[in-house]
N, C-alpha and C. Protein backbone atom coordinates (compact mmCIF):
# COMPACT_ATOMS: atom_id res chain seq x y z
N MET A 1 -14.38 3.75 -44.42
CA MET A 1 -13.28 3.39 -43.66
C MET A 1 -13.06 4.23 -42.31
N LYS A 2 -13.16 5.62 -42.48
CA LYS A 2 -13.15 6.42 -41.43
C LYS A 2 -14.33 6.23 -40.49
N LEU A 3 -15.34 5.93 -41.02
CA LEU A 3 -16.60 5.81 -40.16
C LEU A 3 -16.43 4.57 -39.30
N ILE A 4 -15.82 3.50 -39.91
CA ILE A 4 -15.64 2.22 -39.09
C ILE A 4 -14.66 2.49 -37.89
N VAL A 5 -13.65 3.19 -38.20
CA VAL A 5 -12.58 3.44 -37.24
C VAL A 5 -13.24 4.35 -36.08
N ALA A 6 -14.07 5.41 -36.46
CA ALA A 6 -14.64 6.23 -35.48
C ALA A 6 -15.65 5.43 -34.60
N SER A 7 -16.40 4.51 -35.28
CA SER A 7 -17.30 3.67 -34.54
C SER A 7 -16.50 2.82 -33.69
N ALA A 8 -15.40 2.19 -33.93
CA ALA A 8 -14.58 1.40 -33.20
C ALA A 8 -14.12 2.15 -31.85
N VAL A 9 -13.72 3.40 -32.19
CA VAL A 9 -13.14 4.15 -31.15
C VAL A 9 -14.34 4.62 -30.08
N LEU A 10 -15.47 4.93 -30.62
CA LEU A 10 -16.65 5.25 -29.76
C LEU A 10 -17.06 4.14 -29.00
N ALA A 11 -17.13 2.86 -29.62
CA ALA A 11 -17.35 1.55 -28.98
C ALA A 11 -16.42 1.41 -27.84
N GLY A 12 -15.12 1.67 -28.01
CA GLY A 12 -14.06 1.27 -27.10
C GLY A 12 -14.10 2.42 -25.98
N ALA A 13 -14.43 3.51 -26.13
CA ALA A 13 -14.68 4.62 -25.03
C ALA A 13 -15.99 4.18 -24.31
N LEU A 14 -17.10 3.86 -24.80
CA LEU A 14 -18.16 3.40 -23.99
C LEU A 14 -18.01 2.19 -23.20
N PHE A 15 -17.15 1.26 -23.73
CA PHE A 15 -16.77 0.09 -23.00
C PHE A 15 -16.07 0.51 -21.79
N VAL A 16 -15.07 1.40 -21.75
CA VAL A 16 -14.18 1.85 -20.63
C VAL A 16 -15.03 2.67 -19.85
N LEU A 17 -16.00 3.50 -20.34
CA LEU A 17 -16.80 4.17 -19.38
C LEU A 17 -17.79 3.14 -18.61
N LEU A 18 -18.30 2.17 -19.31
CA LEU A 18 -19.23 1.22 -18.59
C LEU A 18 -18.41 0.54 -17.57
N LEU A 19 -17.20 0.01 -17.97
CA LEU A 19 -16.41 -0.67 -16.89
C LEU A 19 -15.96 0.26 -15.80
N ALA A 20 -15.82 1.53 -16.00
CA ALA A 20 -15.52 2.45 -14.81
C ALA A 20 -16.76 2.53 -13.93
N VAL A 21 -18.02 2.48 -14.53
CA VAL A 21 -19.18 2.60 -13.62
C VAL A 21 -19.41 1.33 -12.87
N VAL A 22 -19.14 0.23 -13.49
CA VAL A 22 -19.35 -0.94 -12.75
C VAL A 22 -18.43 -1.12 -11.66
N ILE A 23 -17.02 -0.79 -11.90
CA ILE A 23 -16.11 -0.91 -10.85
C ILE A 23 -16.33 0.07 -9.61
N SER A 24 -16.82 1.17 -10.04
CA SER A 24 -17.08 2.31 -9.06
C SER A 24 -18.43 1.81 -8.25
N ALA A 25 -19.41 1.40 -8.71
CA ALA A 25 -20.63 0.78 -8.11
C ALA A 25 -20.08 -0.44 -7.20
N THR A 26 -19.29 -1.32 -7.66
CA THR A 26 -18.92 -2.44 -6.89
C THR A 26 -18.07 -2.10 -5.62
N SER A 27 -17.17 -1.06 -5.96
CA SER A 27 -16.31 -0.70 -4.64
C SER A 27 -17.02 0.04 -3.55
N SER A 28 -17.93 0.77 -4.12
CA SER A 28 -18.73 1.66 -3.11
C SER A 28 -19.78 0.76 -2.20
N SER A 29 -20.03 -0.37 -2.87
CA SER A 29 -20.93 -1.41 -2.09
C SER A 29 -20.22 -2.15 -1.07
N LYS A 30 -18.90 -2.08 -1.21
CA LYS A 30 -18.17 -2.85 -0.44
C LYS A 30 -17.25 -1.95 0.50
N GLY A 31 -17.97 -0.98 1.21
CA GLY A 31 -17.25 -0.11 2.05
C GLY A 31 -16.75 1.08 1.52
N GLY A 32 -16.88 1.47 0.33
CA GLY A 32 -16.23 2.73 -0.23
C GLY A 32 -16.97 3.94 0.22
N ALA A 33 -18.26 4.06 0.50
CA ALA A 33 -19.03 5.30 1.02
C ALA A 33 -18.71 5.46 2.47
N VAL A 34 -18.22 6.67 2.77
CA VAL A 34 -17.94 7.04 4.09
C VAL A 34 -18.88 8.10 4.59
N ASN A 35 -19.71 7.74 5.49
CA ASN A 35 -20.52 8.67 6.14
C ASN A 35 -20.81 8.29 7.61
N GLY A 36 -21.49 9.10 8.27
CA GLY A 36 -21.82 8.80 9.70
C GLY A 36 -22.77 7.69 9.77
N ALA A 37 -23.48 7.36 9.01
CA ALA A 37 -24.46 6.30 9.17
C ALA A 37 -24.10 5.06 8.64
N ALA A 38 -22.86 4.81 8.22
CA ALA A 38 -22.28 3.71 7.56
C ALA A 38 -22.38 2.54 8.57
N TYR A 39 -22.92 1.50 8.16
CA TYR A 39 -22.97 0.22 8.85
C TYR A 39 -23.78 0.28 10.09
N ALA A 40 -24.64 1.10 10.17
CA ALA A 40 -25.63 1.47 11.41
C ALA A 40 -26.33 0.14 11.72
N ASP A 41 -27.07 -0.33 10.62
CA ASP A 41 -27.91 -1.60 10.99
C ASP A 41 -27.00 -2.78 11.33
N GLU A 42 -26.06 -3.06 10.72
CA GLU A 42 -25.15 -4.04 10.85
C GLU A 42 -24.59 -4.08 12.28
N LEU A 43 -23.99 -2.80 12.64
CA LEU A 43 -23.41 -2.68 13.98
C LEU A 43 -24.50 -2.93 15.01
N GLN A 44 -25.62 -2.32 14.95
CA GLN A 44 -26.64 -2.48 15.88
C GLN A 44 -26.89 -4.09 16.28
N THR A 45 -26.89 -4.78 15.24
CA THR A 45 -27.00 -6.26 15.44
C THR A 45 -25.78 -6.98 15.93
N ALA A 46 -24.72 -6.50 15.45
CA ALA A 46 -23.43 -7.07 15.89
C ALA A 46 -23.18 -6.78 17.12
N LEU A 47 -23.27 -5.51 17.87
CA LEU A 47 -22.89 -5.24 19.10
C LEU A 47 -23.92 -5.51 20.17
N ALA A 48 -25.19 -5.94 19.72
CA ALA A 48 -26.09 -6.24 20.81
C ALA A 48 -25.48 -7.60 21.59
N GLY A 49 -25.26 -7.36 22.81
CA GLY A 49 -24.72 -8.42 23.51
C GLY A 49 -23.36 -8.88 23.40
N ALA A 50 -22.63 -7.96 22.73
CA ALA A 50 -21.18 -8.27 22.30
C ALA A 50 -20.35 -8.50 23.49
N ASP A 51 -19.48 -9.42 23.70
CA ASP A 51 -18.66 -9.83 24.77
C ASP A 51 -17.18 -9.93 24.27
N ALA A 52 -16.34 -8.93 25.05
CA ALA A 52 -15.09 -8.86 24.69
C ALA A 52 -14.16 -10.15 24.89
N ALA A 53 -14.54 -11.04 25.77
CA ALA A 53 -13.80 -12.26 26.11
C ALA A 53 -14.00 -13.25 24.97
N THR A 54 -15.17 -13.21 24.38
CA THR A 54 -15.70 -14.03 23.35
C THR A 54 -14.87 -13.59 22.04
N GLY A 55 -14.83 -12.33 21.96
CA GLY A 55 -13.98 -11.69 20.77
C GLY A 55 -12.63 -12.15 20.83
N ALA A 56 -11.99 -12.08 22.05
CA ALA A 56 -10.63 -12.41 22.25
C ALA A 56 -10.36 -13.89 21.86
N ARG A 57 -11.44 -14.77 22.16
CA ARG A 57 -11.27 -16.13 21.85
C ARG A 57 -11.31 -16.35 20.45
N LEU A 58 -12.23 -15.75 19.68
CA LEU A 58 -12.48 -15.86 18.37
C LEU A 58 -11.15 -15.16 17.48
N ILE A 59 -10.72 -14.17 18.13
CA ILE A 59 -9.41 -13.52 17.34
C ILE A 59 -8.33 -14.53 17.39
N ALA A 60 -8.38 -15.13 18.68
CA ALA A 60 -7.04 -16.15 18.81
C ALA A 60 -7.34 -17.37 18.01
N GLU A 61 -8.56 -17.89 17.84
CA GLU A 61 -8.84 -19.07 16.87
C GLU A 61 -8.58 -18.77 15.45
N THR A 62 -8.78 -17.43 15.08
CA THR A 62 -8.52 -16.99 13.68
C THR A 62 -7.17 -16.77 13.48
N ASP A 63 -6.24 -16.76 14.31
CA ASP A 63 -4.87 -16.46 14.29
C ASP A 63 -4.55 -15.07 13.72
N CYS A 64 -5.38 -14.14 14.27
CA CYS A 64 -5.17 -12.91 13.77
C CYS A 64 -3.89 -12.34 14.28
N ALA A 65 -3.35 -12.92 15.35
CA ALA A 65 -2.04 -12.45 15.99
C ALA A 65 -0.83 -12.67 14.90
N SER A 66 -0.93 -13.58 14.21
CA SER A 66 0.16 -13.87 13.32
C SER A 66 0.62 -12.70 12.48
N CYS A 67 -0.22 -11.87 12.31
CA CYS A 67 -0.03 -10.66 11.42
C CYS A 67 -0.18 -9.14 12.23
N HIS A 68 -1.11 -9.28 13.20
CA HIS A 68 -1.51 -8.12 13.83
C HIS A 68 -0.78 -7.87 15.20
N LEU A 69 -0.20 -8.91 15.80
CA LEU A 69 0.41 -8.84 17.03
C LEU A 69 1.91 -9.17 16.93
N ILE A 70 2.28 -10.16 16.11
CA ILE A 70 3.71 -10.39 15.92
C ILE A 70 4.28 -9.85 14.72
N GLY A 71 5.58 -9.69 14.85
CA GLY A 71 6.37 -9.07 13.78
C GLY A 71 6.45 -7.57 13.65
N GLU A 72 6.24 -6.96 14.71
CA GLU A 72 6.51 -5.55 14.93
C GLU A 72 5.82 -4.64 13.80
N GLY A 73 4.60 -5.14 13.42
CA GLY A 73 3.83 -4.33 12.42
C GLY A 73 4.25 -4.32 11.08
N ARG A 74 5.15 -5.16 10.68
CA ARG A 74 5.61 -5.12 9.31
C ARG A 74 4.53 -5.81 8.29
N THR A 75 3.72 -6.72 8.76
CA THR A 75 2.79 -7.33 8.05
C THR A 75 1.60 -6.65 8.07
N ALA A 76 1.07 -6.23 9.20
CA ALA A 76 -0.29 -5.58 9.30
C ALA A 76 -0.33 -4.65 10.59
N PRO A 77 -1.02 -3.71 10.42
CA PRO A 77 -1.13 -2.78 11.65
C PRO A 77 -1.30 -3.53 13.05
N LEU A 78 -0.43 -3.12 13.97
CA LEU A 78 -0.63 -3.86 15.28
C LEU A 78 -1.88 -3.48 15.81
N PHE A 79 -2.39 -4.31 16.88
CA PHE A 79 -3.69 -4.32 17.39
C PHE A 79 -3.30 -3.39 18.81
N ASP A 80 -2.19 -3.22 19.18
CA ASP A 80 -1.79 -2.37 20.39
C ASP A 80 -2.20 -0.95 20.22
N GLY A 81 -2.98 -0.70 21.08
CA GLY A 81 -3.50 0.77 21.22
C GLY A 81 -4.63 1.07 20.08
N LEU A 82 -5.09 0.16 19.54
CA LEU A 82 -6.08 0.18 18.41
C LEU A 82 -7.31 0.89 18.78
N ALA A 83 -7.93 0.75 20.02
CA ALA A 83 -8.98 1.37 20.43
C ALA A 83 -8.89 3.02 20.58
N SER A 84 -7.63 3.37 20.86
CA SER A 84 -7.30 4.68 21.18
C SER A 84 -7.26 5.44 19.66
N VAL A 85 -6.83 4.64 18.57
CA VAL A 85 -6.76 5.31 17.34
C VAL A 85 -7.84 5.08 16.28
N ALA A 86 -8.73 3.94 16.44
CA ALA A 86 -9.63 3.50 15.52
C ALA A 86 -10.77 4.60 15.06
N GLY A 87 -11.24 5.44 16.02
CA GLY A 87 -12.05 6.46 15.63
C GLY A 87 -11.62 7.64 14.89
N GLY A 88 -10.34 7.77 14.70
CA GLY A 88 -9.57 8.81 13.95
C GLY A 88 -9.07 8.29 12.63
N ARG A 89 -9.26 6.94 12.40
CA ARG A 89 -8.58 6.39 11.07
C ARG A 89 -9.18 6.70 9.81
N ARG A 90 -10.60 6.81 9.93
CA ARG A 90 -11.43 7.05 8.68
C ARG A 90 -12.68 7.95 8.93
N PRO A 91 -12.23 9.20 9.21
CA PRO A 91 -13.62 10.15 9.59
C PRO A 91 -14.51 10.09 8.46
N PRO A 92 -15.73 10.20 8.68
CA PRO A 92 -16.24 10.48 10.11
C PRO A 92 -16.76 9.04 10.76
N LEU A 93 -16.17 8.06 10.32
CA LEU A 93 -16.51 6.73 10.91
C LEU A 93 -16.09 6.73 12.53
N SER A 94 -16.93 6.23 13.23
CA SER A 94 -16.69 5.86 14.72
C SER A 94 -15.67 4.77 14.78
N ALA A 95 -15.18 4.55 15.91
CA ALA A 95 -14.26 3.32 16.13
C ALA A 95 -14.91 2.15 15.93
N GLU A 96 -16.21 1.94 16.22
CA GLU A 96 -16.91 0.75 15.89
C GLU A 96 -17.12 0.52 14.44
N GLN A 97 -17.57 1.66 13.71
CA GLN A 97 -17.79 1.71 12.20
C GLN A 97 -16.34 1.15 11.58
N TYR A 98 -15.35 1.94 11.82
CA TYR A 98 -13.92 1.66 11.39
C TYR A 98 -13.64 0.14 11.49
N LEU A 99 -13.76 -0.42 12.74
CA LEU A 99 -13.38 -1.76 13.10
C LEU A 99 -14.20 -2.72 12.15
N TYR A 100 -15.57 -2.44 12.13
CA TYR A 100 -16.50 -3.25 11.35
C TYR A 100 -15.99 -3.35 9.95
N GLU A 101 -15.86 -2.18 9.39
CA GLU A 101 -15.24 -2.11 7.98
C GLU A 101 -13.89 -2.74 7.77
N ALA A 102 -13.10 -2.60 8.70
CA ALA A 102 -11.64 -3.19 8.64
C ALA A 102 -11.85 -4.96 8.67
N ILE A 103 -12.66 -5.34 9.27
CA ILE A 103 -13.01 -6.80 9.59
C ILE A 103 -13.64 -7.32 8.12
N VAL A 104 -14.76 -6.70 7.85
CA VAL A 104 -15.81 -7.18 6.78
C VAL A 104 -15.25 -6.74 5.34
N PHE A 105 -14.64 -5.41 5.28
CA PHE A 105 -14.24 -4.87 3.86
C PHE A 105 -12.73 -4.47 4.15
N PRO A 106 -11.87 -5.36 4.36
CA PRO A 106 -10.38 -4.84 4.76
C PRO A 106 -9.85 -4.01 3.69
N GLY A 107 -10.25 -4.14 2.39
CA GLY A 107 -9.40 -3.40 1.28
C GLY A 107 -10.18 -1.98 1.28
N ALA A 108 -11.29 -1.56 1.84
CA ALA A 108 -11.81 -0.44 1.97
C ALA A 108 -10.95 0.84 2.23
N HIS A 109 -10.17 0.46 3.09
CA HIS A 109 -9.27 1.55 3.63
C HIS A 109 -8.00 0.94 4.01
N LEU A 110 -6.78 1.14 3.41
CA LEU A 110 -5.50 0.56 3.73
C LEU A 110 -4.54 1.69 4.24
N LEU A 111 -4.08 1.32 5.49
CA LEU A 111 -3.01 2.34 6.17
C LEU A 111 -1.85 2.43 5.17
N ASP A 112 -1.31 3.50 5.16
CA ASP A 112 0.06 3.59 4.44
C ASP A 112 1.06 2.59 4.77
N GLY A 113 1.59 2.04 3.84
CA GLY A 113 2.63 0.85 4.00
C GLY A 113 2.04 -0.48 4.14
N TYR A 114 0.88 -0.53 4.05
CA TYR A 114 0.33 -2.01 4.23
C TYR A 114 -0.41 -2.40 2.87
N ALA A 115 -0.27 -3.65 2.52
CA ALA A 115 -0.97 -4.26 1.24
C ALA A 115 -2.35 -4.89 1.77
N ASN A 116 -3.25 -5.02 0.85
CA ASN A 116 -4.40 -5.65 1.06
C ASN A 116 -4.45 -7.22 1.29
N ALA A 117 -3.83 -7.51 2.39
CA ALA A 117 -3.54 -8.97 2.55
C ALA A 117 -4.44 -9.73 3.44
N MET A 118 -5.29 -9.01 4.10
CA MET A 118 -6.11 -9.75 5.00
C MET A 118 -7.36 -10.47 4.21
N PRO A 119 -7.73 -11.67 4.85
CA PRO A 119 -8.80 -12.20 4.23
C PRO A 119 -10.01 -11.39 4.08
N ASN A 120 -10.65 -11.35 2.90
CA ASN A 120 -11.93 -10.64 2.75
C ASN A 120 -13.19 -11.46 2.82
N ASP A 121 -13.25 -12.51 3.53
CA ASP A 121 -14.34 -13.39 3.55
C ASP A 121 -14.91 -13.46 4.98
N TYR A 122 -14.57 -12.51 5.92
CA TYR A 122 -14.98 -12.75 7.34
C TYR A 122 -16.40 -12.46 7.44
N ASP A 123 -17.05 -11.72 6.51
CA ASP A 123 -18.65 -11.49 6.52
C ASP A 123 -19.30 -12.91 6.28
N GLN A 124 -18.49 -13.82 5.59
CA GLN A 124 -19.07 -15.18 5.33
C GLN A 124 -18.68 -16.22 6.45
N ARG A 125 -17.59 -16.07 6.87
CA ARG A 125 -17.03 -16.98 7.88
C ARG A 125 -17.59 -16.76 9.25
N PHE A 126 -17.92 -15.40 9.43
CA PHE A 126 -18.51 -15.13 10.91
C PHE A 126 -19.87 -14.60 10.93
N SER A 127 -20.66 -14.90 11.87
CA SER A 127 -21.93 -14.06 12.07
C SER A 127 -21.60 -12.65 12.62
N LEU A 128 -22.81 -11.94 12.50
CA LEU A 128 -22.62 -10.62 12.81
C LEU A 128 -22.33 -10.46 14.45
N ALA A 129 -22.93 -11.31 15.04
CA ALA A 129 -22.62 -11.51 16.63
C ALA A 129 -21.06 -11.82 16.76
N ASP A 130 -20.63 -12.67 16.08
CA ASP A 130 -19.06 -12.99 16.25
C ASP A 130 -18.33 -11.62 15.85
N ILE A 131 -18.64 -11.04 14.87
CA ILE A 131 -17.97 -9.81 14.38
C ILE A 131 -18.13 -8.74 15.69
N GLY A 132 -19.31 -8.72 16.03
CA GLY A 132 -19.49 -7.75 17.33
C GLY A 132 -18.63 -8.27 18.51
N HIS A 133 -18.47 -9.42 18.79
CA HIS A 133 -17.59 -9.89 19.80
C HIS A 133 -16.21 -9.39 19.51
N MET A 134 -15.74 -9.68 18.28
CA MET A 134 -14.40 -9.23 17.82
C MET A 134 -14.05 -7.74 18.13
N ILE A 135 -15.14 -6.86 17.80
CA ILE A 135 -15.11 -5.47 17.83
C ILE A 135 -14.90 -5.14 19.45
N ALA A 136 -15.86 -5.61 20.17
CA ALA A 136 -15.97 -5.41 21.48
C ALA A 136 -14.54 -5.65 22.20
N HIS A 137 -13.82 -6.76 21.62
CA HIS A 137 -12.46 -6.98 22.24
C HIS A 137 -11.48 -5.93 21.75
N LEU A 138 -11.41 -5.75 20.54
CA LEU A 138 -10.51 -4.85 20.05
C LEU A 138 -10.76 -3.44 20.62
N LEU A 139 -11.95 -2.86 21.04
CA LEU A 139 -12.10 -1.75 21.68
C LEU A 139 -11.55 -1.66 23.10
N THR A 140 -11.11 -3.00 23.54
CA THR A 140 -10.47 -3.07 25.00
C THR A 140 -8.80 -2.57 24.80
N LEU A 141 -8.30 -2.64 23.69
CA LEU A 141 -6.93 -2.40 23.47
C LEU A 141 -6.54 -1.04 23.28
N THR A 142 -6.43 -0.38 24.46
CA THR A 142 -6.30 1.17 24.54
C THR A 142 -4.80 1.73 24.28
N ASN A 143 -3.96 0.85 25.11
CA ASN A 143 -2.64 1.39 25.29
C ASN A 143 -1.62 0.06 24.73
N GLU A 144 -0.41 0.37 24.61
CA GLU A 144 0.61 -0.64 24.27
C GLU A 144 0.25 -1.88 25.07
N GLY A 145 -0.44 -2.85 24.47
CA GLY A 145 -0.64 -4.14 24.95
C GLY A 145 -1.53 -4.23 26.25
N ASP A 146 -1.88 -2.96 26.73
CA ASP A 146 -2.82 -2.95 27.93
C ASP A 146 -4.18 -3.11 27.58
N GLU A 147 -5.11 -4.00 28.22
CA GLU A 147 -6.57 -3.84 27.95
C GLU A 147 -7.08 -2.97 29.14
N SER A 148 -8.15 -2.31 28.86
CA SER A 148 -8.77 -1.60 29.89
C SER A 148 -10.01 -2.17 30.27
């Protein structure tokens, strides 16, 4: 009887360990690893020919403003001044890397006080070029509501 109980406990511990490994591997493949080369290939493709005006149109069509511009920042971080702070939000990621991750893997890094409420399928809904256009637009938002 003790052998059966010990075997059951060991099997349970192995299951928990296996589950932890699977969860860890899944989260790191969705933006969990942070390094200076993160998303380099994707960004090179996304930013080639990126156009801020096209990005502004895509952001408007996607209704990002309903959470990121309206509501005084209660629902989601505001876009105002985003370009000025994006590069420091998730070191060592650059502003472009951070914005790419925030669009494609929104749950990879959450700012304090915000839930993971952003749609997590933008990598399927938008091409890399579209994401690049959005990043180009967001990089123009340097001061409170001003575009540079």
